[in-house]
Amino acid sequence: MNQAIQSVTSTENALNGDANLQRAKTEATQAIDNLTHLNTPQKTALKQQVNAAQRVSGVTDLKNSATSLNNAMDQLKQANC
């Protein structure tokens, strides 16, 4: 009986993990699309990496990297003005 309960619990947690990962990917992709200082190839590459990520933490790291790159591109553009 305990093994059956544990199996159901493990399956439920795995489903929640998949849902959380998909939600994180969707949010990260939207955030990348909204970054105004990245060009299309940069956004495409970042979104491909997000889609390939296997963990929420990896998606979060990529989202943070995209934001940092966006800020760096903004500073570069301002320095050239």
PDB file of N, CA and C in Angstrom:
ATOM      1  N   MET A   1       0.829  -1.191   0.000  1.00  0.00           N
ATOM      2  CA  MET A   1       0.000   0.000   0.000  1.00  0.00           C
ATOM      3  C   MET A   1       0.874   1.255   0.000  1.00  0.00           C
ATOM      4  N   ASN A   2       1.885   1.283   0.865  1.00  0.00           N
ATOM      5  CA  ASN A   2       2.768   2.451   0.932  1.00  0.00           C
ATOM      6  C   ASN A   2       3.503   2.673  -0.384  1.00  0.00           C
ATOM      7  N   GLN A   3       3.889   1.577  -1.045  1.00  0.00           N
ATOM      8  CA  GLN A   3       4.583   1.710  -2.325  1.00  0.00           C
ATOM      9  C   GLN A   3       3.674   2.331  -3.376  1.00  0.00           C
ATOM     10  N   ALA A   4       2.408   1.958  -3.355  1.00  0.00           N
ATOM     11  CA  ALA A   4       1.454   2.522  -4.313  1.00  0.00           C
ATOM     12  C   ALA A   4       1.273   4.012  -4.071  1.00  0.00           C
ATOM     13  N   ILE A   5       1.158   4.403  -2.820  1.00  0.00           N
ATOM     14  CA  ILE A   5       1.006   5.821  -2.472  1.00  0.00           C
ATOM     15  C   ILE A   5       2.252   6.592  -2.890  1.00  0.00           C
ATOM     16  N   GLN A   6       3.409   6.015  -2.615  1.00  0.00           N
ATOM     17  CA  GLN A   6       4.665   6.668  -2.980  1.00  0.00           C
ATOM     18  C   GLN A   6       4.781   6.817  -4.498  1.00  0.00           C
ATOM     19  N   SER A   7       4.344   5.810  -5.225  1.00  0.00           N
ATOM     20  CA  SER A   7       4.391   5.861  -6.682  1.00  0.00           C
ATOM     21  C   SER A   7       3.492   6.965  -7.226  1.00  0.00           C
ATOM     22  N   VAL A   8       2.288   7.074  -6.677  1.00  0.00           N
ATOM     23  CA  VAL A   8       1.357   8.122  -7.102  1.00  0.00           C
ATOM     24  C   VAL A   8       1.924   9.494  -6.767  1.00  0.00           C
ATOM     25  N   THR A   9       2.497   9.629  -5.585  1.00  0.00           N
ATOM     26  CA  THR A   9       3.081  10.904  -5.164  1.00  0.00           C
ATOM     27  C   THR A   9       4.246  11.291  -6.072  1.00  0.00           C
ATOM     28  N   SER A  10       5.097  10.336  -6.408  1.00  0.00           N
ATOM     29  CA  SER A  10       6.233  10.611  -7.292  1.00  0.00           C
ATOM     30  C   SER A  10       5.764  11.040  -8.674  1.00  0.00           C
ATOM     31  N   THR A  11       4.751  10.371  -9.179  1.00  0.00           N
ATOM     32  CA  THR A  11       4.202  10.720 -10.488  1.00  0.00           C
ATOM     33  C   THR A  11       3.602  12.115 -10.471  1.00  0.00           C
ATOM     34  N   GLU A  12       2.869  12.426  -9.416  1.00  0.00           N
ATOM     35  CA  GLU A  12       2.258  13.754  -9.288  1.00  0.00           C
ATOM     36  C   GLU A  12       3.330  14.839  -9.228  1.00  0.00           C
ATOM     37  N   ASN A  13       4.385  14.594  -8.458  1.00  0.00           N
ATOM     38  CA  ASN A  13       5.470  15.571  -8.359  1.00  0.00           C
ATOM     39  C   ASN A  13       6.165  15.766  -9.703  1.00  0.00           C
ATOM     40  N   ALA A  14       6.327  14.693 -10.456  1.00  0.00           N
ATOM     41  CA  ALA A  14       6.955  14.797 -11.770  1.00  0.00           C
ATOM     42  C   ALA A  14       6.096  15.641 -12.705  1.00  0.00           C
ATOM     43  N   LEU A  15       4.795  15.450 -12.652  1.00  0.00           N
ATOM     44  CA  LEU A  15       3.896  16.250 -13.482  1.00  0.00           C
ATOM     45  C   LEU A  15       3.962  17.719 -13.095  1.00  0.00           C
ATOM     46  N   ASN A  16       3.996  17.994 -11.804  1.00  0.00           N
ATOM     47  CA  ASN A  16       4.125  19.380 -11.349  1.00  0.00           C
ATOM     48  C   ASN A  16       5.446  19.970 -11.820  1.00  0.00           C
ATOM     49  N   GLY A  17       6.497  19.174 -11.780  1.00  0.00           N
ATOM     50  CA  GLY A  17       7.803  19.634 -12.241  1.00  0.00           C
ATOM     51  C   GLY A  17       7.780  19.990 -13.715  1.00  0.00           C
ATOM     52  N   ASP A  18       7.131  19.140 -14.511  1.00  0.00           N
ATOM     53  CA  ASP A  18       7.009  19.420 -15.943  1.00  0.00           C
ATOM     54  C   ASP A  18       6.212  20.695 -16.183  1.00  0.00           C
ATOM     55  N   ALA A  19       5.130  20.862 -15.433  1.00  0.00           N
ATOM     56  CA  ALA A  19       4.301  22.068 -15.575  1.00  0.00           C
ATOM     57  C   ALA A  19       5.088  23.307 -15.169  1.00  0.00           C
ATOM     58  N   ASN A  20       5.854  23.194 -14.087  1.00  0.00           N
ATOM     59  CA  ASN A  20       6.666  24.329 -13.630  1.00  0.00           C
ATOM     60  C   ASN A  20       7.735  24.683 -14.659  1.00  0.00           C
ATOM     61  N   LEU A  21       8.343  23.667 -15.251  1.00  0.00           N
ATOM     62  CA  LEU A  21       9.369  23.905 -16.269  1.00  0.00           C
ATOM     63  C   LEU A  21       8.754  24.590 -17.485  1.00  0.00           C
ATOM     64  N   GLN A  22       7.601  24.114 -17.915  1.00  0.00           N
ATOM     65  CA  GLN A  22       6.953  24.718 -19.078  1.00  0.00           C
ATOM     66  C   GLN A  22       6.551  26.161 -18.796  1.00  0.00           C
ATOM     67  N   ARG A  23       6.039  26.411 -17.593  1.00  0.00           N
ATOM     68  CA  ARG A  23       5.657  27.774 -17.210  1.00  0.00           C
ATOM     69  C   ARG A  23       6.881  28.683 -17.214  1.00  0.00           C
ATOM     70  N   ALA A  24       7.991  28.196 -16.660  1.00  0.00           N
ATOM     71  CA  ALA A  24       9.227  28.988 -16.625  1.00  0.00           C
ATOM     72  C   ALA A  24       9.721  29.285 -18.042  1.00  0.00           C
ATOM     73  N   LYS A  25       9.631  28.295 -18.926  1.00  0.00           N
ATOM     74  CA  LYS A  25      10.057  28.501 -20.314  1.00  0.00           C
ATOM     75  C   LYS A  25       9.189  29.553 -21.000  1.00  0.00           C
ATOM     76  N   THR A  26       7.886  29.477 -20.780  1.00  0.00           N
ATOM     77  CA  THR A  26       6.972  30.445 -21.392  1.00  0.00           C
ATOM     78  C   THR A  26       7.267  31.852 -20.898  1.00  0.00           C
ATOM     79  N   GLU A  27       7.453  31.998 -19.588  1.00  0.00           N
ATOM     80  CA  GLU A  27       7.739  33.313 -19.013  1.00  0.00           C
ATOM     81  C   GLU A  27       9.077  33.852 -19.506  1.00  0.00           C
ATOM     82  N   ALA A  28      10.081  32.993 -19.586  1.00  0.00           N
ATOM     83  CA  ALA A  28      11.403  33.430 -20.044  1.00  0.00           C
ATOM     84  C   ALA A  28      11.353  33.852 -21.513  1.00  0.00           C
ATOM     85  N   THR A  29      10.639  33.097 -22.321  1.00  0.00           N
ATOM     86  CA  THR A  29      10.513  33.435 -23.741  1.00  0.00           C
ATOM     87  C   THR A  29       9.826  34.780 -23.920  1.00  0.00           C
ATOM     88  N   GLN A  30       8.776  35.014 -23.153  1.00  0.00           N
ATOM     89  CA  GLN A  30       8.084  36.303 -23.223  1.00  0.00           C
ATOM     90  C   GLN A  30       8.996  37.437 -22.772  1.00  0.00           C
ATOM     91  N   ALA A  31       9.756  37.191 -21.711  1.00  0.00           N
ATOM     92  CA  ALA A  31      10.677  38.214 -21.210  1.00  0.00           C
ATOM     93  C   ALA A  31      11.735  38.541 -22.263  1.00  0.00           C
ATOM     94  N   ILE A  32      12.258  37.519 -22.917  1.00  0.00           N
ATOM     95  CA  ILE A  32      13.269  37.736 -23.955  1.00  0.00           C
ATOM     96  C   ILE A  32      12.675  38.536 -25.110  1.00  0.00           C
ATOM     97  N   ASP A  33      11.464  38.201 -25.505  1.00  0.00           N
ATOM     98  CA  ASP A  33      10.803  38.947 -26.585  1.00  0.00           C
ATOM     99  C   ASP A  33      10.643  40.423 -26.241  1.00  0.00           C
ATOM    100  N   ASN A  34      10.514  40.742 -24.963  1.00  0.00           N
ATOM    101  CA  ASN A  34      10.299  42.126 -24.529  1.00  0.00           C
ATOM    102  C   ASN A  34      11.589  42.915 -24.315  1.00  0.00           C
ATOM    103  N   LEU A  35      12.734  42.274 -24.455  1.00  0.00           N
ATOM    104  CA  LEU A  35      14.006  42.979 -24.292  1.00  0.00           C
ATOM    105  C   LEU A  35      14.260  43.826 -25.538  1.00  0.00           C
ATOM    106  N   THR A  36      14.398  45.110 -25.339  1.00  0.00           N
ATOM    107  CA  THR A  36      14.410  46.047 -26.466  1.00  0.00           C
ATOM    108  C   THR A  36      15.784  46.279 -27.092  1.00  0.00           C
ATOM    109  N   HIS A  37      16.847  45.854 -26.449  1.00  0.00           N
ATOM    110  CA  HIS A  37      18.184  46.154 -26.959  1.00  0.00           C
ATOM    111  C   HIS A  37      18.868  44.945 -27.596  1.00  0.00           C
ATOM    112  N   LEU A  38      18.144  43.831 -27.691  1.00  0.00           N
ATOM    113  CA  LEU A  38      18.696  42.650 -28.352  1.00  0.00           C
ATOM    114  C   LEU A  38      18.183  42.593 -29.781  1.00  0.00           C
ATOM    115  N   ASN A  39      19.038  42.085 -30.676  1.00  0.00           N
ATOM    116  CA  ASN A  39      18.593  41.919 -32.058  1.00  0.00           C
ATOM    117  C   ASN A  39      17.916  40.553 -32.219  1.00  0.00           C
ATOM    118  N   THR A  40      17.334  40.339 -33.365  1.00  0.00           N
ATOM    119  CA  THR A  40      16.571  39.109 -33.604  1.00  0.00           C
ATOM    120  C   THR A  40      17.422  37.844 -33.464  1.00  0.00           C
ATOM    121  N   PRO A  41      18.631  37.788 -34.039  1.00  0.00           N
ATOM    122  CA  PRO A  41      19.444  36.573 -33.856  1.00  0.00           C
ATOM    123  C   PRO A  41      19.782  36.294 -32.383  1.00  0.00           C
ATOM    124  N   GLN A  42      20.036  37.344 -31.608  1.00  0.00           N
ATOM    125  CA  GLN A  42      20.316  37.149 -30.183  1.00  0.00           C
ATOM    126  C   GLN A  42      19.095  36.565 -29.477  1.00  0.00           C
ATOM    127  N   LYS A  43      17.933  37.133 -29.754  1.00  0.00           N
ATOM    128  CA  LYS A  43      16.700  36.638 -29.134  1.00  0.00           C
ATOM    129  C   LYS A  43      16.426  35.193 -29.538  1.00  0.00           C
ATOM    130  N   THR A  44      16.625  34.897 -30.810  1.00  0.00           N
ATOM    131  CA  THR A  44      16.382  33.539 -31.303  1.00  0.00           C
ATOM    132  C   THR A  44      17.293  32.537 -30.607  1.00  0.00           C
ATOM    133  N   ALA A  45      18.571  32.864 -30.498  1.00  0.00           N
ATOM    134  CA  ALA A  45      19.529  31.966 -29.848  1.00  0.00           C
ATOM    135  C   ALA A  45      19.174  31.747 -28.380  1.00  0.00           C
ATOM    136  N   LEU A  46      18.810  32.810 -27.697  1.00  0.00           N
ATOM    137  CA  LEU A  46      18.444  32.689 -26.283  1.00  0.00           C
ATOM    138  C   LEU A  46      17.185  31.845 -26.106  1.00  0.00           C
ATOM    139  N   LYS A  47      16.207  32.049 -26.965  1.00  0.00           N
ATOM    140  CA  LYS A  47      14.962  31.283 -26.858  1.00  0.00           C
ATOM    141  C   LYS A  47      15.193  29.805 -27.173  1.00  0.00           C
ATOM    142  N   GLN A  48      16.107  29.507 -28.083  1.00  0.00           N
ATOM    143  CA  GLN A  48      16.446  28.109 -28.370  1.00  0.00           C
ATOM    144  C   GLN A  48      17.084  27.452 -27.150  1.00  0.00           C
ATOM    145  N   GLN A  49      17.940  28.199 -26.465  1.00  0.00           N
ATOM    146  CA  GLN A  49      18.565  27.670 -25.253  1.00  0.00           C
ATOM    147  C   GLN A  49      17.528  27.444 -24.158  1.00  0.00           C
ATOM    148  N   VAL A  50      16.581  28.364 -24.037  1.00  0.00           N
ATOM    149  CA  VAL A  50      15.510  28.216 -23.046  1.00  0.00           C
ATOM    150  C   VAL A  50      14.705  26.960 -23.347  1.00  0.00           C
ATOM    151  N   ASN A  51      14.342  26.764 -24.604  1.00  0.00           N
ATOM    152  CA  ASN A  51      13.542  25.596 -24.972  1.00  0.00           C
ATOM    153  C   ASN A  51      14.277  24.286 -24.740  1.00  0.00           C
ATOM    154  N   ALA A  52      15.605  24.310 -24.800  1.00  0.00           N
ATOM    155  CA  ALA A  52      16.398  23.101 -24.589  1.00  0.00           C
ATOM    156  C   ALA A  52      16.682  22.830 -23.113  1.00  0.00           C
ATOM    157  N   ALA A  53      16.423  23.798 -22.256  1.00  0.00           N
ATOM    158  CA  ALA A  53      16.728  23.648 -20.826  1.00  0.00           C
ATOM    159  C   ALA A  53      15.894  22.521 -20.211  1.00  0.00           C
ATOM    160  N   GLN A  54      16.504  21.805 -19.284  1.00  0.00           N
ATOM    161  CA  GLN A  54      15.851  20.665 -18.639  1.00  0.00           C
ATOM    162  C   GLN A  54      15.384  20.960 -17.220  1.00  0.00           C
ATOM    163  N   ARG A  55      15.809  22.093 -16.683  1.00  0.00           N
ATOM    164  CA  ARG A  55      15.459  22.451 -15.302  1.00  0.00           C
ATOM    165  C   ARG A  55      15.025  23.907 -15.223  1.00  0.00           C
ATOM    166  N   VAL A  56      14.177  24.179 -14.249  1.00  0.00           N
ATOM    167  CA  VAL A  56      13.718  25.552 -14.028  1.00  0.00           C
ATOM    168  C   VAL A  56      14.906  26.452 -13.716  1.00  0.00           C
ATOM    169  N   SER A  57      15.859  25.953 -12.943  1.00  0.00           N
ATOM    170  CA  SER A  57      17.025  26.772 -12.591  1.00  0.00           C
ATOM    171  C   SER A  57      17.821  27.161 -13.836  1.00  0.00           C
ATOM    172  N   GLY A  58      17.906  26.266 -14.804  1.00  0.00           N
ATOM    173  CA  GLY A  58      18.588  26.585 -16.050  1.00  0.00           C
ATOM    174  C   GLY A  58      17.864  27.663 -16.835  1.00  0.00           C
ATOM    175  N   VAL A  59      16.532  27.586 -16.834  1.00  0.00           N
ATOM    176  CA  VAL A  59      15.726  28.599 -17.515  1.00  0.00           C
ATOM    177  C   VAL A  59      15.924  29.951 -16.839  1.00  0.00           C
ATOM    178  N   THR A  60      15.925  29.948 -15.514  1.00  0.00           N
ATOM    179  CA  THR A  60      16.113  31.186 -14.754  1.00  0.00           C
ATOM    180  C   THR A  60      17.477  31.796 -15.052  1.00  0.00           C
ATOM    181  N   ASP A  61      18.506  30.962 -15.108  1.00  0.00           N
ATOM    182  CA  ASP A  61      19.854  31.451 -15.423  1.00  0.00           C
ATOM    183  C   ASP A  61      19.897  32.079 -16.819  1.00  0.00           C
ATOM    184  N   LEU A  62      19.237  31.443 -17.771  1.00  0.00           N
ATOM    185  CA  LEU A  62      19.208  31.982 -19.137  1.00  0.00           C
ATOM    186  C   LEU A  62      18.448  33.298 -19.204  1.00  0.00           C
ATOM    187  N   LYS A  63      17.360  33.380 -18.478  1.00  0.00           N
ATOM    188  CA  LYS A  63      16.584  34.629 -18.436  1.00  0.00           C
ATOM    189  C   LYS A  63      17.438  35.753 -17.848  1.00  0.00           C
ATOM    190  N   ASN A  64      18.168  35.450 -16.784  1.00  0.00           N
ATOM    191  CA  ASN A  64      19.048  36.450 -16.171  1.00  0.00           C
ATOM    192  C   ASN A  64      20.180  36.850 -17.124  1.00  0.00           C
ATOM    193  N   SER A  65      20.720  35.888 -17.841  1.00  0.00           N
ATOM    194  CA  SER A  65      21.776  36.184 -18.818  1.00  0.00           C
ATOM    195  C   SER A  65      21.249  37.073 -19.940  1.00  0.00           C
ATOM    196  N   ALA A  66      20.029  36.796 -20.371  1.00  0.00           N
ATOM    197  CA  ALA A  66      19.419  37.611 -21.424  1.00  0.00           C
ATOM    198  C   ALA A  66      19.239  39.047 -20.955  1.00  0.00           C
ATOM    199  N   THR A  67      18.813  39.214 -19.718  1.00  0.00           N
ATOM    200  CA  THR A  67      18.632  40.559 -19.164  1.00  0.00           C
ATOM    201  C   THR A  67      19.972  41.282 -19.062  1.00  0.00           C
ATOM    202  N   SER A  68      20.998  40.569 -18.632  1.00  0.00           N
ATOM    203  CA  SER A  68      22.338  41.166 -18.543  1.00  0.00           C
ATOM    204  C   SER A  68      22.853  41.564 -19.921  1.00  0.00           C
ATOM    205  N   LEU A  69      22.648  40.700 -20.898  1.00  0.00           N
ATOM    206  CA  LEU A  69      23.064  41.013 -22.260  1.00  0.00           C
ATOM    207  C   LEU A  69      22.306  42.222 -22.791  1.00  0.00           C
ATOM    208  N   ASN A  70      21.029  42.291 -22.512  1.00  0.00           N
ATOM    209  CA  ASN A  70      20.214  43.431 -22.931  1.00  0.00           C
ATOM    210  C   ASN A  70      20.765  44.729 -22.336  1.00  0.00           C
ATOM    211  N   ASN A  71      21.103  44.691 -21.057  1.00  0.00           N
ATOM    212  CA  ASN A  71      21.661  45.876 -20.395  1.00  0.00           C
ATOM    213  C   ASN A  71      23.012  46.260 -20.997  1.00  0.00           C
ATOM    214  N   ALA A  72      23.828  45.258 -21.303  1.00  0.00           N
ATOM    215  CA  ALA A  72      25.134  45.530 -21.906  1.00  0.00           C
ATOM    216  C   ALA A  72      24.978  46.129 -23.301  1.00  0.00           C
ATOM    217  N   MET A  73      24.028  45.622 -24.055  1.00  0.00           N
ATOM    218  CA  MET A  73      23.778  46.172 -25.395  1.00  0.00           C
ATOM    219  C   MET A  73      23.295  47.614 -25.302  1.00  0.00           C
ATOM    220  N   ASP A  74      22.481  47.910 -24.314  1.00  0.00           N
ATOM    221  CA  ASP A  74      22.010  49.280 -24.099  1.00  0.00           C
ATOM    222  C   ASP A  74      23.186  50.198 -23.784  1.00  0.00           C
ATOM    223  N   GLN A  75      24.071  49.764 -22.897  1.00  0.00           N
ATOM    224  CA  GLN A  75      25.234  50.576 -22.539  1.00  0.00           C
ATOM    225  C   GLN A  75      26.140  50.788 -23.750  1.00  0.00           C
ATOM    226  N   LEU A  76      26.287  49.755 -24.562  1.00  0.00           N
ATOM    227  CA  LEU A  76      27.105  49.864 -25.764  1.00  0.00           C
ATOM    228  C   LEU A  76      26.510  50.886 -26.735  1.00  0.00           C
ATOM    229  N   LYS A  77      25.208  50.834 -26.911  1.00  0.00           N
ATOM    230  CA  LYS A  77      24.541  51.796 -27.800  1.00  0.00           C
ATOM    231  C   LYS A  77      24.685  53.221 -27.274  1.00  0.00           C
ATOM    232  N   GLN A  78      24.566  53.393 -25.961  1.00  0.00           N
ATOM    233  CA  GLN A  78      24.693  54.727 -25.366  1.00  0.00           C
ATOM    234  C   GLN A  78      26.115  55.251 -25.495  1.00  0.00           C
ATOM    235  N   ALA A  79      27.091  54.371 -25.398  1.00  0.00           N
ATOM    236  CA  ALA A  79      28.492  54.781 -25.502  1.00  0.00           C
ATOM    237  C   ALA A  79      28.833  55.232 -26.920  1.00  0.00           C
ATOM    238  N   ASN A  80      28.111  54.710 -27.888  1.00  0.00           N
ATOM    239  CA  ASN A  80      28.374  55.053 -29.289  1.00  0.00           C
ATOM    240  C   ASN A  80      27.624  56.289 -29.749  1.00  0.00           C
ATOM    241  N   CYS A  81      26.799  56.857 -28.909  1.00  0.00           N
ATOM    242  CA  CYS A  81      26.020  58.051 -29.309  1.00  0.00           C
ATOM    243  C   CYS A  81      26.805  59.314 -29.164  1.00  0.00           C
TER     244      CYS A  81
END
